[in-house]
């Protein structure tokens, strides 16, 4: 009697295992193994352009960048920055450098960012009544943390330089609005 009960339990156990493994095997069949390199399919290019012209003032900037989308949530990228700034009869400045950027989209409409920027600033000040002409060259490091509203390829938001020092920073404020576009 005990032997018959054991064989029924074993058969039931094996039937249950077979059903479970067949469901697991069917679920695994939905994945496709693709050994092709799709690196460039996950790369987006974009950046920013800036132009400010006023009475005796010129500000031109070009900031191309590229990001690699690890998945729908996380992206990493590199950026370059070139800038020219001129205030007539006061100074002329060239800015050039690069940045590392991380973007996180916890939900499709929200984009969080962290950007480490390192730029070289070369400035030539013209002589005036209060001072002689002189030049200044230095490296400026900024670490921006930001957030923005994202729709499609465009993000509009603000970022803040957590390393901002009003005596050393390239910019007049640690807070900056931005428009970010990637194609």
N, C-alpha and C. Protein backbone atom coordinates (compact mmCIF):
# COMPACT_ATOMS: atom_id res chain seq x y z
N UNK A 1 0.81 -1.18 0.00
CA UNK A 1 0.00 0.00 0.00
C UNK A 1 0.87 1.25 0.00
N UNK A 2 1.89 1.23 0.79
CA UNK A 2 2.76 2.39 0.85
C UNK A 2 3.45 2.61 -0.49
N UNK A 3 3.79 1.55 -1.18
CA UNK A 3 4.48 1.67 -2.45
C UNK A 3 3.58 2.33 -3.49
N UNK A 4 2.31 1.99 -3.52
CA UNK A 4 1.38 2.56 -4.47
C UNK A 4 1.21 4.06 -4.21
N UNK A 5 1.10 4.45 -2.97
CA UNK A 5 0.96 5.85 -2.60
C UNK A 5 2.21 6.64 -3.03
N UNK A 6 3.38 6.04 -2.86
CA UNK A 6 4.63 6.68 -3.25
C UNK A 6 4.70 6.90 -4.77
N UNK A 7 4.26 5.93 -5.57
CA UNK A 7 4.32 6.06 -7.02
C UNK A 7 3.33 7.11 -7.52
N UNK A 8 2.20 7.26 -6.87
CA UNK A 8 1.25 8.30 -7.27
C UNK A 8 1.84 9.67 -6.94
N UNK A 9 2.46 9.81 -5.78
CA UNK A 9 3.07 11.08 -5.40
C UNK A 9 4.22 11.44 -6.33
N UNK A 10 5.02 10.43 -6.70
CA UNK A 10 6.13 10.69 -7.63
C UNK A 10 5.61 11.12 -8.98
N UNK A 11 4.58 10.45 -9.50
CA UNK A 11 4.01 10.83 -10.79
C UNK A 11 3.45 12.24 -10.72
N UNK A 12 2.75 12.56 -9.67
CA UNK A 12 2.20 13.91 -9.52
C UNK A 12 3.33 14.95 -9.48
N UNK A 13 4.37 14.62 -8.74
CA UNK A 13 5.51 15.51 -8.62
C UNK A 13 6.15 15.75 -9.99
N UNK A 14 6.35 14.68 -10.76
CA UNK A 14 6.97 14.82 -12.09
C UNK A 14 6.05 15.54 -13.07
N UNK A 15 4.76 15.34 -12.96
CA UNK A 15 3.82 16.07 -13.82
C UNK A 15 3.88 17.56 -13.51
N UNK A 16 3.91 17.91 -12.25
CA UNK A 16 3.99 19.32 -11.85
C UNK A 16 5.31 19.92 -12.34
N UNK A 17 6.42 19.22 -12.16
CA UNK A 17 7.72 19.71 -12.63
C UNK A 17 7.73 19.89 -14.15
N UNK A 18 7.14 18.97 -14.87
CA UNK A 18 7.09 19.05 -16.33
C UNK A 18 6.30 20.28 -16.76
N UNK A 19 5.18 20.52 -16.13
CA UNK A 19 4.36 21.67 -16.46
C UNK A 19 5.12 22.97 -16.16
N UNK A 20 5.76 23.02 -15.00
CA UNK A 20 6.52 24.22 -14.65
C UNK A 20 7.66 24.47 -15.62
N UNK A 21 8.43 23.43 -15.94
CA UNK A 21 9.56 23.61 -16.84
C UNK A 21 9.11 23.91 -18.27
N UNK A 22 7.99 23.38 -18.68
CA UNK A 22 7.52 23.68 -20.03
C UNK A 22 7.07 25.14 -20.11
N UNK A 23 6.45 25.66 -19.04
CA UNK A 23 6.08 27.08 -19.01
C UNK A 23 7.33 27.94 -19.02
N UNK A 24 8.33 27.54 -18.23
CA UNK A 24 9.59 28.28 -18.17
C UNK A 24 10.28 28.25 -19.53
N UNK A 25 10.26 27.10 -20.18
CA UNK A 25 10.90 26.98 -21.48
C UNK A 25 10.18 27.84 -22.51
N UNK A 26 8.86 27.89 -22.47
CA UNK A 26 8.12 28.73 -23.39
C UNK A 26 8.42 30.21 -23.16
N UNK A 27 8.54 30.59 -21.90
CA UNK A 27 8.86 31.98 -21.61
C UNK A 27 10.24 32.34 -22.14
N UNK A 28 11.17 31.43 -22.06
CA UNK A 28 12.52 31.69 -22.53
C UNK A 28 12.59 31.79 -24.04
N UNK A 29 11.65 31.23 -24.74
CA UNK A 29 11.68 31.28 -26.19
C UNK A 29 11.38 32.66 -26.75
N UNK A 30 10.86 33.57 -25.94
CA UNK A 30 10.56 34.90 -26.43
C UNK A 30 11.81 35.76 -26.61
N UNK A 31 12.94 35.36 -26.02
CA UNK A 31 14.17 36.12 -26.15
C UNK A 31 14.93 35.67 -27.39
N UNK A 32 15.46 36.64 -28.10
CA UNK A 32 16.23 36.35 -29.30
C UNK A 32 17.68 36.70 -29.04
N UNK A 33 18.56 35.80 -29.33
CA UNK A 33 19.98 36.06 -29.17
C UNK A 33 20.47 36.71 -30.45
N UNK A 34 21.00 37.93 -30.30
CA UNK A 34 21.46 38.70 -31.44
C UNK A 34 22.89 39.15 -31.15
N UNK A 35 23.83 38.61 -31.88
CA UNK A 35 25.23 38.93 -31.64
C UNK A 35 25.71 40.12 -32.43
N UNK A 36 24.83 40.81 -33.15
CA UNK A 36 25.24 41.97 -33.92
C UNK A 36 25.55 43.13 -32.97
N UNK A 37 26.48 43.98 -33.36
CA UNK A 37 26.84 45.14 -32.56
C UNK A 37 25.92 46.30 -32.93
N UNK A 38 25.09 46.72 -31.99
CA UNK A 38 24.15 47.81 -32.23
C UNK A 38 24.58 49.08 -31.50
N UNK A 39 25.87 49.27 -31.32
CA UNK A 39 26.39 50.42 -30.59
C UNK A 39 25.86 51.73 -31.17
N UNK A 40 26.00 51.91 -32.47
CA UNK A 40 25.61 53.19 -33.09
C UNK A 40 24.10 53.41 -33.10
N UNK A 41 23.32 52.34 -32.94
CA UNK A 41 21.87 52.50 -32.84
C UNK A 41 21.47 53.15 -31.51
N UNK A 42 22.36 53.08 -30.52
CA UNK A 42 22.07 53.63 -29.20
C UNK A 42 22.73 54.98 -28.96
N UNK A 43 23.38 55.54 -29.97
CA UNK A 43 24.07 56.82 -29.84
C UNK A 43 23.19 57.93 -30.39
N UNK A 44 23.13 59.03 -29.66
CA UNK A 44 22.41 60.23 -30.10
C UNK A 44 23.36 61.41 -30.07
N UNK A 45 23.20 62.31 -31.05
CA UNK A 45 24.02 63.50 -31.13
C UNK A 45 23.16 64.72 -30.90
N UNK A 46 23.76 65.74 -30.33
CA UNK A 46 23.02 66.97 -30.07
C UNK A 46 23.95 68.02 -29.51
N UNK A 47 23.42 68.82 -28.62
CA UNK A 47 24.23 69.85 -27.99
C UNK A 47 23.51 71.17 -27.99
N UNK A 48 24.30 72.23 -28.01
CA UNK A 48 23.70 73.56 -27.95
C UNK A 48 24.49 74.58 -28.75
N UNK A 49 23.80 75.61 -29.14
CA UNK A 49 24.39 76.76 -29.82
C UNK A 49 23.95 77.99 -29.05
N UNK A 50 24.84 78.96 -28.94
CA UNK A 50 24.48 80.18 -28.26
C UNK A 50 24.97 81.40 -29.02
N UNK A 51 24.16 82.43 -29.05
CA UNK A 51 24.54 83.67 -29.72
C UNK A 51 23.91 84.82 -28.95
N UNK A 52 24.76 85.70 -28.47
CA UNK A 52 24.29 86.90 -27.80
C UNK A 52 25.02 88.10 -28.38
N UNK A 53 24.26 89.04 -28.91
CA UNK A 53 24.85 90.22 -29.52
C UNK A 53 24.14 91.44 -28.95
N UNK A 54 24.94 92.40 -28.51
CA UNK A 54 24.38 93.64 -27.99
C UNK A 54 25.27 94.80 -28.38
N UNK A 55 25.02 95.92 -27.82
CA UNK A 55 25.80 97.12 -28.10
C UNK A 55 27.22 96.93 -27.55
N UNK A 56 28.16 96.62 -28.42
CA UNK A 56 29.54 96.42 -28.01
C UNK A 56 29.80 95.10 -27.32
N UNK A 57 28.86 94.15 -27.42
CA UNK A 57 28.99 92.87 -26.73
C UNK A 57 28.69 91.73 -27.70
N UNK A 58 29.54 90.70 -27.66
CA UNK A 58 29.33 89.51 -28.50
C UNK A 58 29.61 88.26 -27.66
N UNK A 59 28.72 87.29 -27.74
CA UNK A 59 28.88 86.01 -27.04
C UNK A 59 28.45 84.91 -28.01
N UNK A 60 29.40 84.07 -28.42
CA UNK A 60 29.12 82.97 -29.35
C UNK A 60 29.59 81.69 -28.69
N UNK A 61 28.74 80.66 -28.69
CA UNK A 61 29.16 79.38 -28.13
C UNK A 61 28.62 78.22 -28.96
N UNK A 62 29.44 77.19 -29.06
CA UNK A 62 29.09 75.96 -29.77
C UNK A 62 29.43 74.82 -28.81
N UNK A 63 28.43 73.96 -28.53
CA UNK A 63 28.61 72.88 -27.56
C UNK A 63 28.06 71.56 -28.08
N UNK A 64 28.78 70.89 -28.99
CA UNK A 64 28.29 69.60 -29.48
C UNK A 64 28.48 68.51 -28.42
N UNK A 65 27.60 67.52 -28.46
CA UNK A 65 27.73 66.40 -27.52
C UNK A 65 27.11 65.14 -28.12
N UNK A 66 27.47 64.02 -27.51
CA UNK A 66 26.92 62.72 -27.93
C UNK A 66 26.66 61.91 -26.67
N UNK A 67 25.55 61.16 -26.68
CA UNK A 67 25.24 60.28 -25.55
C UNK A 67 25.02 58.87 -26.05
N UNK A 68 25.30 57.93 -25.17
CA UNK A 68 25.04 56.52 -25.43
C UNK A 68 23.93 56.08 -24.49
N UNK A 69 22.81 55.62 -25.05
CA UNK A 69 21.67 55.17 -24.26
C UNK A 69 21.89 53.72 -23.83
N UNK A 70 22.25 53.54 -22.57
CA UNK A 70 22.44 52.20 -22.03
C UNK A 70 21.12 51.44 -22.08
N UNK A 71 20.05 52.13 -21.69
CA UNK A 71 18.69 51.60 -21.76
C UNK A 71 17.75 52.80 -21.80
N UNK A 72 16.47 52.59 -21.58
CA UNK A 72 15.51 53.70 -21.64
C UNK A 72 15.65 54.66 -20.47
N UNK A 73 16.39 54.28 -19.45
CA UNK A 73 16.49 55.10 -18.25
C UNK A 73 17.83 55.84 -18.14
N UNK A 74 18.93 55.18 -18.47
CA UNK A 74 20.27 55.74 -18.24
C UNK A 74 21.03 55.98 -19.54
N UNK A 75 21.71 57.15 -19.61
CA UNK A 75 22.56 57.50 -20.75
C UNK A 75 23.84 58.14 -20.22
N UNK A 76 24.94 57.89 -20.93
CA UNK A 76 26.22 58.51 -20.62
C UNK A 76 26.73 59.22 -21.87
N UNK A 77 27.47 60.31 -21.70
CA UNK A 77 27.95 61.00 -22.88
C UNK A 77 29.15 61.88 -22.65
N UNK A 78 29.60 62.46 -23.77
CA UNK A 78 30.72 63.38 -23.81
C UNK A 78 30.29 64.64 -24.52
N UNK A 79 30.87 65.75 -24.12
CA UNK A 79 30.57 67.00 -24.79
C UNK A 79 31.82 67.84 -24.98
N UNK A 80 31.78 68.71 -25.95
CA UNK A 80 32.83 69.68 -26.20
C UNK A 80 32.24 71.07 -26.06
N UNK A 81 33.07 72.04 -25.73
CA UNK A 81 32.58 73.40 -25.60
C UNK A 81 33.60 74.37 -26.18
N UNK A 82 33.11 75.26 -27.02
CA UNK A 82 33.92 76.32 -27.60
C UNK A 82 33.14 77.62 -27.44
N UNK A 83 33.80 78.65 -26.97
CA UNK A 83 33.11 79.91 -26.80
C UNK A 83 34.00 81.10 -27.05
N UNK A 84 33.36 82.18 -27.49
CA UNK A 84 34.04 83.46 -27.70
C UNK A 84 33.18 84.54 -27.08
N UNK A 85 33.81 85.38 -26.27
CA UNK A 85 33.10 86.44 -25.58
C UNK A 85 33.90 87.73 -25.73
N UNK A 86 33.23 88.80 -26.12
CA UNK A 86 33.93 90.07 -26.32
C UNK A 86 33.05 91.20 -25.82
N UNK A 87 33.64 92.03 -24.98
CA UNK A 87 32.98 93.24 -24.53
C UNK A 87 33.87 94.39 -24.99
N UNK A 88 33.38 95.17 -25.93
CA UNK A 88 34.17 96.21 -26.59
C UNK A 88 34.85 97.14 -25.58
N UNK A 89 36.14 97.36 -25.81
CA UNK A 89 36.97 98.22 -24.97
C UNK A 89 37.12 97.72 -23.53
N UNK A 90 36.81 96.43 -23.29
CA UNK A 90 36.97 95.91 -21.94
C UNK A 90 37.75 94.59 -21.93
N UNK A 91 37.21 93.55 -22.61
CA UNK A 91 37.93 92.27 -22.65
C UNK A 91 37.50 91.43 -23.83
N UNK A 92 38.33 90.40 -24.09
CA UNK A 92 38.05 89.38 -25.11
C UNK A 92 38.44 88.05 -24.49
N UNK A 93 37.56 87.05 -24.60
CA UNK A 93 37.80 85.78 -23.92
C UNK A 93 37.46 84.60 -24.83
N UNK A 94 38.29 83.55 -24.73
CA UNK A 94 38.06 82.29 -25.44
C UNK A 94 37.92 81.19 -24.39
N UNK A 95 36.93 80.34 -24.58
CA UNK A 95 36.67 79.24 -23.66
C UNK A 95 36.60 77.96 -24.48
N UNK A 96 37.32 76.92 -24.02
CA UNK A 96 37.27 75.64 -24.73
C UNK A 96 37.53 74.52 -23.73
N UNK A 97 36.89 73.39 -23.95
CA UNK A 97 37.06 72.26 -23.05
C UNK A 97 36.06 71.16 -23.34
N UNK A 98 35.79 70.36 -22.31
CA UNK A 98 34.90 69.23 -22.50
C UNK A 98 34.12 68.90 -21.24
N UNK A 99 33.24 67.92 -21.39
CA UNK A 99 32.43 67.51 -20.25
C UNK A 99 32.04 66.04 -20.36
N UNK A 100 31.74 65.47 -19.20
CA UNK A 100 31.17 64.13 -19.09
C UNK A 100 29.76 64.30 -18.54
N UNK A 101 28.81 63.60 -19.14
CA UNK A 101 27.42 63.79 -18.73
C UNK A 101 26.74 62.44 -18.47
N UNK A 102 25.89 62.42 -17.47
CA UNK A 102 25.05 61.27 -17.16
C UNK A 102 23.61 61.77 -17.11
N UNK A 103 22.73 61.08 -17.81
CA UNK A 103 21.31 61.42 -17.82
C UNK A 103 20.52 60.23 -17.28
N UNK A 104 19.55 60.52 -16.43
CA UNK A 104 18.69 59.48 -15.87
C UNK A 104 17.25 59.93 -16.05
N UNK A 105 16.43 59.06 -16.64
CA UNK A 105 15.01 59.34 -16.88
C UNK A 105 14.18 58.37 -16.04
N UNK A 106 13.90 58.72 -14.77
CA UNK A 106 13.13 57.80 -13.92
C UNK A 106 11.74 57.52 -14.49
N UNK A 107 11.15 58.52 -15.14
CA UNK A 107 9.93 58.36 -15.93
C UNK A 107 10.18 59.12 -17.23
N UNK A 108 9.50 58.80 -18.31
CA UNK A 108 9.82 59.42 -19.60
C UNK A 108 9.80 60.95 -19.62
N UNK A 109 8.98 61.59 -18.80
CA UNK A 109 8.85 63.04 -18.82
C UNK A 109 9.88 63.77 -17.97
N UNK A 110 10.60 63.07 -17.11
CA UNK A 110 11.55 63.70 -16.19
C UNK A 110 12.96 63.24 -16.51
N UNK A 111 13.87 64.22 -16.64
CA UNK A 111 15.27 63.90 -16.89
C UNK A 111 16.13 64.54 -15.81
N UNK A 112 16.90 63.72 -15.11
CA UNK A 112 17.86 64.20 -14.13
C UNK A 112 19.24 64.12 -14.77
N UNK A 113 20.12 65.07 -14.44
CA UNK A 113 21.44 65.07 -15.07
C UNK A 113 22.54 65.42 -14.09
N UNK A 114 23.72 64.89 -14.38
CA UNK A 114 24.94 65.26 -13.67
C UNK A 114 25.99 65.47 -14.76
N UNK A 115 26.66 66.62 -14.73
CA UNK A 115 27.62 66.94 -15.77
C UNK A 115 28.87 67.54 -15.14
N UNK A 116 30.01 66.92 -15.42
CA UNK A 116 31.30 67.41 -14.98
C UNK A 116 31.94 68.13 -16.15
N UNK A 117 32.19 69.43 -15.98
CA UNK A 117 32.72 70.25 -17.07
C UNK A 117 34.09 70.79 -16.69
N UNK A 118 35.04 70.68 -17.61
CA UNK A 118 36.39 71.23 -17.42
C UNK A 118 36.70 72.08 -18.64
N UNK A 119 36.87 73.40 -18.44
CA UNK A 119 37.14 74.29 -19.57
C UNK A 119 38.34 75.18 -19.26
N UNK A 120 39.02 75.53 -20.32
CA UNK A 120 40.14 76.47 -20.25
C UNK A 120 39.60 77.85 -20.63
N UNK A 121 39.96 78.86 -19.84
CA UNK A 121 39.52 80.22 -20.09
C UNK A 121 40.76 81.08 -20.33
N UNK A 122 40.81 81.69 -21.51
CA UNK A 122 41.90 82.61 -21.86
C UNK A 122 41.28 83.97 -22.11
N UNK A 123 41.63 84.95 -21.28
CA UNK A 123 41.03 86.28 -21.35
C UNK A 123 42.11 87.35 -21.46
N UNK A 124 41.83 88.32 -22.30
CA UNK A 124 42.72 89.47 -22.44
C UNK A 124 41.90 90.72 -22.12
N UNK A 125 42.35 91.43 -21.09
CA UNK A 125 41.69 92.67 -20.67
C UNK A 125 42.41 93.85 -21.29
N UNK A 126 41.65 94.79 -21.80
CA UNK A 126 42.24 95.98 -22.41
C UNK A 126 42.51 97.04 -21.33
N UNK A 127 43.47 97.89 -21.61
CA UNK A 127 43.83 98.95 -20.66
C UNK A 127 42.71 99.98 -20.60
N UNK A 128 42.51 100.52 -19.43
CA UNK A 128 41.61 101.67 -19.28
C UNK A 128 42.20 102.60 -18.22
N UNK A 129 41.48 103.58 -17.82
CA UNK A 129 41.99 104.58 -16.88
C UNK A 129 42.37 103.95 -15.54
N UNK A 130 41.62 102.95 -15.11
CA UNK A 130 41.83 102.36 -13.79
C UNK A 130 42.84 101.21 -13.76
N UNK A 131 43.21 100.65 -14.91
CA UNK A 131 44.12 99.50 -14.87
C UNK A 131 44.86 99.35 -16.20
N UNK A 132 46.04 98.72 -16.16
CA UNK A 132 46.77 98.44 -17.40
C UNK A 132 46.20 97.18 -18.07
N UNK A 133 46.56 96.96 -19.31
CA UNK A 133 46.14 95.73 -20.02
C UNK A 133 46.81 94.53 -19.36
N UNK A 134 46.06 93.40 -19.31
CA UNK A 134 46.67 92.17 -18.80
C UNK A 134 45.89 90.98 -19.32
N UNK A 135 46.47 89.79 -19.17
CA UNK A 135 45.85 88.54 -19.61
C UNK A 135 45.69 87.61 -18.43
N UNK A 136 44.70 86.74 -18.53
CA UNK A 136 44.44 85.77 -17.48
C UNK A 136 44.05 84.45 -18.15
N UNK A 137 44.68 83.37 -17.73
CA UNK A 137 44.35 82.03 -18.25
C UNK A 137 44.22 81.09 -17.07
N UNK A 138 43.15 80.30 -17.07
CA UNK A 138 42.95 79.34 -15.97
C UNK A 138 41.99 78.24 -16.42
N UNK A 139 41.97 77.17 -15.64
CA UNK A 139 41.02 76.07 -15.85
C UNK A 139 39.86 76.27 -14.90
N UNK A 140 38.66 76.05 -15.38
CA UNK A 140 37.46 76.15 -14.56
C UNK A 140 36.76 74.79 -14.54
N UNK A 141 36.48 74.30 -13.33
CA UNK A 141 35.79 73.01 -13.17
C UNK A 141 34.41 73.28 -12.58
N UNK A 142 33.40 72.66 -13.17
CA UNK A 142 32.03 72.80 -12.68
C UNK A 142 31.39 71.41 -12.61
N UNK A 143 30.57 71.20 -11.61
CA UNK A 143 29.78 69.98 -11.48
C UNK A 143 28.32 70.39 -11.39
N UNK A 144 27.61 70.17 -12.48
CA UNK A 144 26.21 70.57 -12.57
C UNK A 144 25.29 69.40 -12.23
N UNK A 145 24.31 69.66 -11.37
CA UNK A 145 23.23 68.72 -11.11
C UNK A 145 21.97 69.42 -11.59
N UNK A 146 21.18 68.70 -12.39
CA UNK A 146 20.02 69.35 -12.99
C UNK A 146 18.81 68.45 -13.10
N UNK A 147 17.71 69.08 -13.46
CA UNK A 147 16.45 68.37 -13.68
C UNK A 147 15.67 69.13 -14.74
N UNK A 148 14.92 68.37 -15.53
CA UNK A 148 14.15 69.02 -16.57
C UNK A 148 12.95 68.20 -17.00
N UNK A 149 12.08 68.87 -17.73
CA UNK A 149 10.91 68.24 -18.33
C UNK A 149 11.30 67.80 -19.74
N UNK A 150 11.05 66.54 -20.05
CA UNK A 150 11.45 65.96 -21.34
C UNK A 150 10.23 65.60 -22.16
N UNK A 151 10.26 66.00 -23.42
CA UNK A 151 9.25 65.61 -24.38
C UNK A 151 9.96 65.28 -25.69
N UNK A 152 9.89 64.03 -26.10
CA UNK A 152 10.61 63.60 -27.30
C UNK A 152 12.11 63.73 -27.12
N UNK A 153 12.76 64.45 -28.04
CA UNK A 153 14.21 64.63 -28.00
C UNK A 153 14.62 65.91 -27.28
N UNK A 154 13.68 66.66 -26.75
CA UNK A 154 13.97 67.96 -26.14
C UNK A 154 13.72 67.92 -24.64
N UNK A 155 14.66 68.49 -23.88
CA UNK A 155 14.51 68.63 -22.43
C UNK A 155 14.72 70.09 -22.07
N UNK A 156 13.81 70.63 -21.29
CA UNK A 156 13.90 72.01 -20.80
C UNK A 156 13.98 71.94 -19.28
N UNK A 157 15.00 72.60 -18.72
CA UNK A 157 15.15 72.52 -17.28
C UNK A 157 16.15 73.50 -16.74
N UNK A 158 16.68 73.18 -15.57
CA UNK A 158 17.67 74.02 -14.91
C UNK A 158 18.72 73.12 -14.27
N UNK A 159 19.91 73.70 -14.11
CA UNK A 159 20.99 72.96 -13.47
C UNK A 159 21.73 73.92 -12.53
N UNK A 160 22.41 73.34 -11.55
CA UNK A 160 23.14 74.15 -10.58
C UNK A 160 24.55 73.60 -10.43
N UNK A 161 25.53 74.49 -10.45
CA UNK A 161 26.94 74.12 -10.26
C UNK A 161 27.21 74.02 -8.77
N UNK A 162 27.35 72.80 -8.26
CA UNK A 162 27.58 72.60 -6.83
C UNK A 162 28.99 73.02 -6.41
N UNK A 163 29.89 73.26 -7.38
CA UNK A 163 31.24 73.75 -7.09
C UNK A 163 31.35 75.26 -7.28
N UNK A 164 30.24 75.92 -7.50
CA UNK A 164 30.24 77.35 -7.82
C UNK A 164 30.93 78.18 -6.73
N UNK A 165 31.85 79.05 -7.16
CA UNK A 165 32.53 80.00 -6.30
C UNK A 165 32.48 81.34 -7.02
N UNK A 166 31.79 82.33 -6.49
CA UNK A 166 31.64 83.60 -7.22
C UNK A 166 32.97 84.28 -7.54
N UNK A 167 34.03 83.99 -6.79
CA UNK A 167 35.32 84.60 -7.05
C UNK A 167 36.12 83.87 -8.12
N UNK A 168 35.80 82.61 -8.40
CA UNK A 168 36.60 81.82 -9.34
C UNK A 168 35.82 81.30 -10.55
N UNK A 169 34.52 81.25 -10.46
CA UNK A 169 33.72 80.62 -11.50
C UNK A 169 33.69 81.45 -12.78
N UNK A 170 33.59 80.76 -13.88
CA UNK A 170 33.49 81.37 -15.20
C UNK A 170 32.17 82.13 -15.36
N UNK A 171 31.11 81.66 -14.74
CA UNK A 171 29.79 82.22 -14.92
C UNK A 171 29.39 83.11 -13.75
N UNK A 172 28.45 83.98 -13.97
CA UNK A 172 28.00 84.91 -12.95
C UNK A 172 27.10 84.30 -11.89
N UNK A 173 26.59 83.10 -12.15
CA UNK A 173 25.70 82.44 -11.21
C UNK A 173 25.90 80.93 -11.31
N UNK A 174 25.65 80.23 -10.21
CA UNK A 174 25.73 78.77 -10.23
C UNK A 174 24.49 78.13 -10.84
N UNK A 175 23.41 78.88 -10.93
CA UNK A 175 22.14 78.40 -11.46
C UNK A 175 22.04 78.75 -12.94
N UNK A 176 21.67 77.77 -13.77
CA UNK A 176 21.53 78.00 -15.21
C UNK A 176 20.34 77.24 -15.78
N UNK A 177 19.49 77.92 -16.53
CA UNK A 177 18.46 77.20 -17.28
C UNK A 177 19.11 76.55 -18.50
N UNK A 178 18.47 75.51 -19.05
CA UNK A 178 19.02 74.87 -20.25
C UNK A 178 17.91 74.32 -21.13
N UNK A 179 18.26 74.16 -22.40
CA UNK A 179 17.45 73.43 -23.37
C UNK A 179 18.40 72.41 -23.98
N UNK A 180 18.09 71.14 -23.85
CA UNK A 180 18.95 70.05 -24.32
C UNK A 180 18.21 69.30 -25.43
N UNK A 181 18.89 69.10 -26.57
CA UNK A 181 18.28 68.42 -27.71
C UNK A 181 19.22 67.31 -28.19
N UNK A 182 18.68 66.11 -28.38
CA UNK A 182 19.45 64.99 -28.94
C UNK A 182 18.64 64.32 -30.06
N UNK A 183 19.33 64.02 -31.15
CA UNK A 183 18.70 63.35 -32.29
C UNK A 183 19.25 61.96 -32.47
